[in-house]
């Protein structure tokens, strides 16, 4: 292997479509409407139609999408929100930044998604919302989640930051809850050329409040109805995302093809457990990440990197064990499935342009490590 197999390759898609991207950016520059311009409104409408909701409100990041959604739902100090223990810290920060309490929930050891049995044990009189995270690009079982939320009268804030295009029984993630939150970090399935995010909703009042919150509490200059913040999706990123929307379905199909090839080639490596998914259903899992469970994980990771295969861990520390959430009072052993997975999971290279030859090289390096 003479060339590095990158964990993700952002350059190739840009080079292949450079003229289209640059034309979109030139239009923004010529219009000189850089903040909340027509490109933002056009993209919001396009994204809402794609997700299958009435409204989409662009914001500055996925983290802001989560935080502003909590704020729009009037979640305040003293309220509790159920969040899976295995997720990126932004899921929890969207709650804690408002002074509300993050209540970690253990995860299913096979899918790494929120364990609804454990969630039921965490309900108290202060529980106000549940935040299902469609982790790695795989949709939660939204039938079970929505039944749970209805039973306990909880708001649902979908963290769909990794699941652009994923579906549950014909409906896209981000269309079930009171709010659906998406990140457009560059490496996402739909990624900008910088930070960006969006909130989807079918509730006009929530959408109106989000538009106030993202823009200093104002929809008319110098008229501030509420205390808001500065969290706006800028026109340049909206223009880029508008172009990228046209490629999303095709690129998700390529990710799914790569996942199928990985899984087929890894099935005979006894030390590896590949993700379990229906190969006839390319809609539930859009494989933002391809995450395996493996023995001797840290050694394997070092071996892959030494042999020019880039890989990562998503996520090495469960939410409750971060120093940032020490005040919650949890300790090691409180969330056994999340903690066990944190010691076994490894993310392999995954992006639409990855070739079969590159995947074969990754597989060969893994089998060499295990001596098979």
Protein backbone atom coordinates (compact mmCIF):
# COMPACT_ATOMS: atom_id res chain seq x y z
CA UNK A 1 0.00 0.00 0.00
CA UNK A 2 1.80 3.09 -1.24
CA UNK A 3 -1.01 5.55 -0.62
CA UNK A 4 -2.85 6.39 2.56
CA UNK A 5 -6.48 5.27 2.71
CA UNK A 6 -8.07 8.28 4.38
CA UNK A 7 -10.75 7.99 7.02
CA UNK A 8 -12.77 10.44 4.96
CA UNK A 9 -11.99 12.21 1.67
CA UNK A 10 -13.62 15.63 1.21
CA UNK A 11 -11.50 16.78 -1.72
CA UNK A 12 -12.60 14.38 -4.43
CA UNK A 13 -16.27 15.42 -4.46
CA UNK A 14 -15.29 19.08 -4.65
CA UNK A 15 -12.85 18.57 -7.52
CA UNK A 16 -15.40 16.54 -9.49
CA UNK A 17 -18.01 19.31 -9.13
CA UNK A 18 -15.80 22.36 -8.71
CA UNK A 19 -17.50 24.47 -11.37
CA UNK A 20 -20.97 23.96 -9.87
CA UNK A 21 -19.82 24.82 -6.36
CA UNK A 22 -17.92 27.90 -7.44
CA UNK A 23 -20.83 29.17 -9.51
CA UNK A 24 -23.10 28.88 -6.46
CA UNK A 25 -20.58 30.76 -4.32
CA UNK A 26 -20.10 33.45 -6.99
CA UNK A 27 -23.85 34.09 -6.96
CA UNK A 28 -23.69 34.81 -3.24
CA UNK A 29 -20.76 37.17 -3.69
CA UNK A 30 -22.47 39.02 -6.54
CA UNK A 31 -25.69 39.39 -4.55
CA UNK A 32 -23.66 40.46 -1.48
CA UNK A 33 -26.46 39.00 0.67
CA UNK A 34 -24.28 36.99 3.01
CA UNK A 35 -26.54 36.57 6.05
CA UNK A 36 -30.07 35.10 5.85
CA UNK A 37 -30.14 35.81 2.14
CA UNK A 38 -32.31 34.17 -0.54
CA UNK A 39 -29.97 31.17 -0.70
CA UNK A 40 -30.79 30.34 2.93
CA UNK A 41 -34.53 30.54 2.35
CA UNK A 42 -34.23 28.44 -0.81
CA UNK A 43 -32.20 25.76 0.93
CA UNK A 44 -34.50 25.69 3.97
CA UNK A 45 -37.48 25.04 1.70
CA UNK A 46 -35.61 22.38 -0.27
CA UNK A 47 -34.44 20.59 2.86
CA UNK A 48 -37.89 20.69 4.48
CA UNK A 49 -39.41 19.10 1.37
CA UNK A 50 -36.72 16.42 1.35
CA UNK A 51 -37.25 15.50 5.00
CA UNK A 52 -41.03 15.68 4.58
CA UNK A 53 -41.84 18.45 7.08
CA UNK A 54 -43.47 21.86 6.92
CA UNK A 55 -40.56 23.95 8.14
CA UNK A 56 -36.76 23.98 8.29
CA UNK A 57 -34.81 26.71 10.10
CA UNK A 58 -31.11 27.08 9.33
CA UNK A 59 -28.74 27.72 12.25
CA UNK A 60 -25.00 27.99 12.79
CA UNK A 61 -24.25 24.38 13.82
CA UNK A 62 -25.74 21.05 14.81
CA UNK A 63 -25.01 21.88 18.45
CA UNK A 64 -27.03 25.06 18.13
CA UNK A 65 -29.82 23.10 16.44
CA UNK A 66 -30.04 20.91 19.55
CA UNK A 67 -29.77 23.75 22.05
CA UNK A 68 -32.23 26.05 20.29
CA UNK A 69 -34.69 23.17 19.90
CA UNK A 70 -34.59 22.60 23.64
CA UNK A 71 -35.06 26.32 24.17
CA UNK A 72 -37.95 26.49 21.71
CA UNK A 73 -39.64 23.70 23.67
CA UNK A 74 -39.23 25.73 26.88
CA UNK A 75 -36.83 23.26 28.51
CA UNK A 76 -35.29 25.04 31.52
CA UNK A 77 -33.29 24.40 34.67
CA UNK A 78 -34.86 21.59 36.68
CA UNK A 79 -36.14 19.77 33.61
CA UNK A 80 -34.61 16.42 32.62
CA UNK A 81 -33.88 15.15 29.12
CA UNK A 82 -33.05 11.52 28.31
CA UNK A 83 -29.91 11.25 26.16
CA UNK A 84 -28.07 8.05 25.12
CA UNK A 85 -24.78 7.48 26.94
CA UNK A 86 -22.99 6.66 23.68
CA UNK A 87 -23.09 9.80 21.56
CA UNK A 88 -21.04 12.86 20.72
CA UNK A 89 -20.96 15.32 23.60
CA UNK A 90 -22.92 17.92 21.58
CA UNK A 91 -26.12 15.93 22.22
CA UNK A 92 -25.71 16.47 25.95
CA UNK A 93 -24.42 20.04 25.68
CA UNK A 94 -27.57 21.06 23.84
CA UNK A 95 -29.41 20.24 27.08
CA UNK A 96 -26.92 21.28 29.76
CA UNK A 97 -26.22 24.72 28.27
CA UNK A 98 -29.77 25.67 29.26
CA UNK A 99 -29.26 24.51 32.83
CA UNK A 100 -31.44 21.43 32.29
CA UNK A 101 -30.28 18.01 33.47
CA UNK A 102 -28.86 15.40 31.12
CA UNK A 103 -30.08 11.92 32.07
CA UNK A 104 -27.88 9.32 30.33
CA UNK A 105 -29.54 6.14 29.04
CA UNK A 106 -27.66 2.94 28.26
CA UNK A 107 -27.56 1.68 24.70
CA UNK A 108 -28.32 -1.52 22.85
CA UNK A 109 -25.09 -3.54 22.61
CA UNK A 110 -25.74 -4.45 18.97
CA UNK A 111 -26.89 -1.16 17.45
CA UNK A 112 -25.41 1.31 20.00
CA UNK A 113 -28.76 3.14 19.90
CA UNK A 114 -30.80 4.15 22.95
CA UNK A 115 -32.06 1.18 25.00
CA UNK A 116 -35.75 1.89 25.53
CA UNK A 117 -35.95 -0.53 28.47
CA UNK A 118 -33.30 1.46 30.29
CA UNK A 119 -34.97 4.71 29.24
CA UNK A 120 -38.17 3.59 31.00
CA UNK A 121 -36.21 3.19 34.24
CA UNK A 122 -34.96 6.78 34.06
CA UNK A 123 -38.36 8.49 33.93
CA UNK A 124 -39.11 10.89 36.79
CA UNK A 125 -41.65 13.64 37.37
CA UNK A 126 -39.09 16.08 35.97
CA UNK A 127 -38.52 14.28 32.66
CA UNK A 128 -39.62 16.63 29.90
CA UNK A 129 -38.09 15.26 26.70
CA UNK A 130 -36.27 12.35 25.09
CA UNK A 131 -33.49 12.79 22.56
CA UNK A 132 -33.09 9.76 20.28
CA UNK A 133 -29.76 9.88 18.46
CA UNK A 134 -29.72 8.23 15.04
CA UNK A 135 -26.11 7.30 15.64
CA UNK A 136 -23.66 6.54 12.81
CA UNK A 137 -26.51 7.06 10.29
CA UNK A 138 -28.90 4.38 11.56
CA UNK A 139 -32.49 5.28 12.38
CA UNK A 140 -33.87 4.42 15.77
CA UNK A 141 -37.00 2.25 15.92
CA UNK A 142 -39.25 5.29 15.83
CA UNK A 143 -42.44 3.31 16.43
CA UNK A 144 -41.12 2.23 19.83
CA UNK A 145 -39.66 5.66 20.55
CA UNK A 146 -42.83 7.59 19.73
CA UNK A 147 -44.99 5.13 21.71
CA UNK A 148 -42.64 5.64 24.68
CA UNK A 149 -42.81 9.42 24.34
CA UNK A 150 -46.60 9.41 24.07
CA UNK A 151 -46.94 7.14 27.09
CA UNK A 152 -44.85 9.48 29.24
CA UNK A 153 -46.00 12.77 27.63
CA UNK A 154 -42.49 13.67 26.48
CA UNK A 155 -41.34 15.98 23.74
CA UNK A 156 -39.11 14.28 21.14
CA UNK A 157 -35.96 16.05 19.94
CA UNK A 158 -34.40 13.92 17.21
CA UNK A 159 -30.63 14.18 17.00
CA UNK A 160 -30.33 13.42 13.29
CA UNK A 161 -26.91 15.04 12.98
CA UNK A 162 -25.44 11.85 11.48
CA UNK A 163 -28.45 10.53 9.57
CA UNK A 164 -29.15 12.77 6.58
CA UNK A 165 -31.52 10.72 4.40
CA UNK A 166 -32.02 7.74 6.72
CA UNK A 167 -35.59 6.45 6.98
CA UNK A 168 -37.86 4.52 9.30
CA UNK A 169 -40.76 2.84 7.47
CA UNK A 170 -40.88 5.37 4.68
CA UNK A 171 -40.35 8.50 6.81
CA UNK A 172 -37.06 10.31 7.08
CA UNK A 173 -35.32 10.88 10.38
CA UNK A 174 -35.99 14.38 11.56
CA UNK A 175 -39.68 14.18 10.65
CA UNK A 176 -41.03 12.36 13.72
CA UNK A 177 -40.31 14.56 16.72
CA UNK A 178 -41.26 18.05 17.73
CA UNK A 179 -37.83 18.99 16.32
CA UNK A 180 -35.29 17.26 14.10
CA UNK A 181 -31.71 18.49 14.46
CA UNK A 182 -29.07 18.21 11.73
CA UNK A 183 -25.42 19.15 11.51
CA UNK A 184 -23.71 20.17 8.27
CA UNK A 185 -20.17 19.72 9.56
CA UNK A 186 -18.06 19.09 6.43
CA UNK A 187 -17.62 15.34 6.98
CA UNK A 188 -21.38 14.66 7.34
CA UNK A 189 -23.32 12.87 4.60
CA UNK A 190 -24.57 16.35 3.70
CA UNK A 191 -21.70 18.59 4.67
CA UNK A 192 -21.02 22.30 4.17
CA UNK A 193 -17.68 24.00 3.58
CA UNK A 194 -17.71 24.99 7.26
CA UNK A 195 -20.10 24.74 10.19
CA UNK A 196 -23.85 24.79 9.79
CA UNK A 197 -27.04 23.19 11.07
CA UNK A 198 -30.80 23.11 10.66
CA UNK A 199 -33.93 22.29 12.67
CA UNK A 200 -36.90 20.61 11.02
CA UNK A 201 -40.43 20.71 12.43
CA UNK A 202 -44.10 20.44 11.57
CA UNK A 203 -45.02 22.99 14.23
CA UNK A 204 -45.38 26.57 12.95
CA UNK A 205 -45.02 28.03 16.45
CA UNK A 206 -41.76 26.19 17.05
CA UNK A 207 -40.42 27.34 13.67
CA UNK A 208 -41.36 30.95 14.42
CA UNK A 209 -39.68 30.78 17.81
CA UNK A 210 -36.54 29.26 16.29
CA UNK A 211 -36.32 32.10 13.79
CA UNK A 212 -36.48 34.55 16.66
CA UNK A 213 -33.95 32.67 18.76
CA UNK A 214 -31.36 32.36 15.98
CA UNK A 215 -31.39 36.08 15.20
CA UNK A 216 -31.16 37.98 18.50
CA UNK A 217 -34.87 37.46 19.18
CA UNK A 218 -35.73 39.51 16.12
CA UNK A 219 -37.40 39.10 12.75
CA UNK A 220 -37.50 42.86 12.18
CA UNK A 221 -34.28 44.83 12.57
CA UNK A 222 -33.86 46.36 16.03
CA UNK A 223 -37.18 44.93 17.23
CA UNK A 224 -36.35 42.19 19.75
CA UNK A 225 -39.35 40.19 20.98
CA UNK A 226 -37.37 37.73 23.10
CA UNK A 227 -33.79 37.20 24.24
CA UNK A 228 -32.16 35.35 21.37
CA UNK A 229 -28.65 34.72 20.12
CA UNK A 230 -26.60 34.85 16.93
CA UNK A 231 -26.90 31.46 15.28
CA UNK A 232 -27.57 31.90 11.59
CA UNK A 233 -26.78 29.62 8.66
CA UNK A 234 -24.90 31.93 6.33
CA UNK A 235 -25.75 32.28 2.65
CA UNK A 236 -22.46 30.84 1.38
CA UNK A 237 -22.96 27.58 3.27
CA UNK A 238 -26.62 27.44 2.22
CA UNK A 239 -25.59 27.80 -1.43
CA UNK A 240 -23.08 24.96 -1.10
CA UNK A 241 -25.60 22.74 0.68
CA UNK A 242 -28.23 23.48 -1.96
CA UNK A 243 -25.86 22.08 -4.59
CA UNK A 244 -24.88 19.11 -2.45
CA UNK A 245 -28.53 18.15 -1.86
CA UNK A 246 -28.70 17.01 -5.48
CA UNK A 247 -25.98 14.42 -4.81
CA UNK A 248 -27.12 13.16 -1.40
CA UNK A 249 -29.19 10.13 -2.42
CA UNK A 250 -26.56 8.85 -4.84
CA UNK A 251 -23.80 9.34 -2.31
CA UNK A 252 -25.79 7.56 0.39
CA UNK A 253 -26.23 4.61 -1.97
CA UNK A 254 -22.47 4.48 -2.46
CA UNK A 255 -21.97 4.44 1.31
CA UNK A 256 -24.42 1.56 1.59
CA UNK A 257 -22.57 -0.36 -1.13
CA UNK A 258 -19.31 0.13 0.76
CA UNK A 259 -20.94 -1.07 3.99
CA UNK A 260 -22.24 -4.20 2.27
CA UNK A 261 -18.80 -4.99 0.89
CA UNK A 262 -17.13 -4.44 4.25
CA UNK A 263 -19.66 -6.69 5.98
CA UNK A 264 -19.39 -9.47 3.42
CA UNK A 265 -15.60 -9.52 3.53
CA UNK A 266 -15.42 -9.34 7.33
CA UNK A 267 -17.90 -12.12 8.07
CA UNK A 268 -15.17 -14.75 8.34
CA UNK A 269 -12.95 -12.71 10.69
CA UNK A 270 -13.97 -14.17 14.03
CA UNK A 271 -12.44 -11.34 16.06
CA UNK A 272 -14.65 -8.76 14.31
CA UNK A 273 -18.35 -8.03 14.68
CA UNK A 274 -19.60 -5.92 11.79
CA UNK A 275 -22.79 -3.84 11.97
CA UNK A 276 -25.98 -5.84 11.58
CA UNK A 277 -28.35 -4.40 9.00
CA UNK A 278 -30.80 -5.47 6.30
CA UNK A 279 -28.94 -5.46 2.99
CA UNK A 280 -32.29 -5.21 1.21
CA UNK A 281 -33.15 -2.00 3.05
CA UNK A 282 -30.74 0.75 2.06
CA UNK A 283 -32.91 3.43 3.67
CA UNK A 284 -32.69 2.75 7.43
CA UNK A 285 -28.91 3.10 7.68
CA UNK A 286 -27.01 5.66 5.58
CA UNK A 287 -23.62 4.82 7.13
CA UNK A 288 -22.20 8.15 8.10
CA UNK A 289 -19.75 5.87 9.90
CA UNK A 290 -18.93 2.18 9.54
CA UNK A 291 -18.32 0.99 13.09
CA UNK A 292 -17.09 -2.50 13.94
CA UNK A 293 -16.58 -4.18 17.30
CA UNK A 294 -13.23 -5.91 17.62
CA UNK A 295 -10.86 -7.66 19.96
CA UNK A 296 -7.58 -5.94 20.80
CA UNK A 297 -9.04 -2.73 19.43
CA UNK A 298 -6.22 -0.37 20.34
CA UNK A 299 -3.59 -2.68 18.89
CA UNK A 300 -5.59 -3.10 15.69
CA UNK A 301 -5.99 0.65 15.39
CA UNK A 302 -2.24 1.18 15.74
CA UNK A 303 -1.58 -1.54 13.16
CA UNK A 304 -3.99 -0.02 10.65
CA UNK A 305 -2.53 3.45 11.07
CA UNK A 306 0.99 2.06 10.72
CA UNK A 307 -0.09 0.44 7.45
CA UNK A 308 -1.53 3.68 6.10
CA UNK A 309 -5.18 2.98 6.89
CA UNK A 310 -6.73 5.85 8.82
CA UNK A 311 -9.41 4.98 11.39
CA UNK A 312 -11.02 6.41 14.50
CA UNK A 313 -13.20 5.76 17.57
CA UNK A 314 -16.74 7.13 17.87
CA UNK A 315 -16.87 7.51 20.84
CA UNK A 316 -14.12 6.46 23.26
CA UNK A 317 -15.71 7.94 26.40
CA UNK A 318 -19.42 7.62 27.28
CA UNK A 319 -21.21 10.84 28.23
CA UNK A 320 -21.39 10.05 31.96
CA UNK A 321 -17.62 9.52 32.27
CA UNK A 322 -16.56 12.88 30.81
CA UNK A 323 -15.16 15.33 33.30
CA UNK A 324 -17.62 17.85 31.88
CA UNK A 325 -20.48 15.82 33.37
CA UNK A 326 -18.84 14.69 36.59
CA UNK A 327 -21.46 16.69 38.49
CA UNK A 328 -24.16 14.23 37.37
CA UNK A 329 -22.71 11.80 39.91
CA UNK A 330 -22.41 8.67 37.76
CA UNK A 331 -19.51 6.27 37.96
CA UNK A 332 -17.88 3.54 35.93
CA UNK A 333 -20.18 0.55 35.66
CA UNK A 334 -23.43 2.54 35.69
CA UNK A 335 -23.96 2.09 31.94
CA UNK A 336 -22.38 -1.27 31.12
CA UNK A 337 -23.35 -1.58 27.44
CA UNK A 338 -22.12 1.90 26.53
CA UNK A 339 -18.91 1.38 28.49
CA UNK A 340 -18.23 -2.03 26.94
CA UNK A 341 -18.77 -0.73 23.43
CA UNK A 342 -16.42 2.20 24.06
CA UNK A 343 -13.62 -0.33 24.54
CA UNK A 344 -14.42 -2.37 21.42
CA UNK A 345 -15.65 -0.01 18.70
CA UNK A 346 -13.54 1.11 15.76
CA UNK A 347 -14.61 3.25 12.79
CA UNK A 348 -13.17 2.20 9.44
CA UNK A 349 -12.72 4.45 6.39
CA UNK A 350 -16.13 5.37 4.98
CA UNK A 351 -17.04 7.91 2.31
CA UNK A 352 -18.85 7.71 -1.04
CA UNK A 353 -15.68 7.74 -3.14
CA UNK A 354 -14.00 4.83 -1.36
CA UNK A 355 -13.22 2.14 -3.93
CA UNK A 356 -13.63 -1.61 -3.73
CA UNK A 357 -9.84 -1.89 -3.98
CA UNK A 358 -9.40 0.39 -0.99
CA UNK A 359 -11.95 -1.58 1.02
CA UNK A 360 -10.16 -4.81 0.09
CA UNK A 361 -6.89 -3.28 1.28
CA UNK A 362 -8.48 -2.37 4.62
CA UNK A 363 -9.86 -5.91 4.98
CA UNK A 364 -6.50 -7.47 4.07
CA UNK A 365 -4.73 -5.35 6.67
CA UNK A 366 -7.22 -6.41 9.34
CA UNK A 367 -6.88 -10.10 8.46
CA UNK A 368 -3.09 -9.78 8.46
CA UNK A 369 -3.25 -8.31 11.96
CA UNK A 370 -5.30 -11.23 13.27
CA UNK A 371 -3.13 -13.75 11.39
CA UNK A 372 -5.90 -15.10 9.20
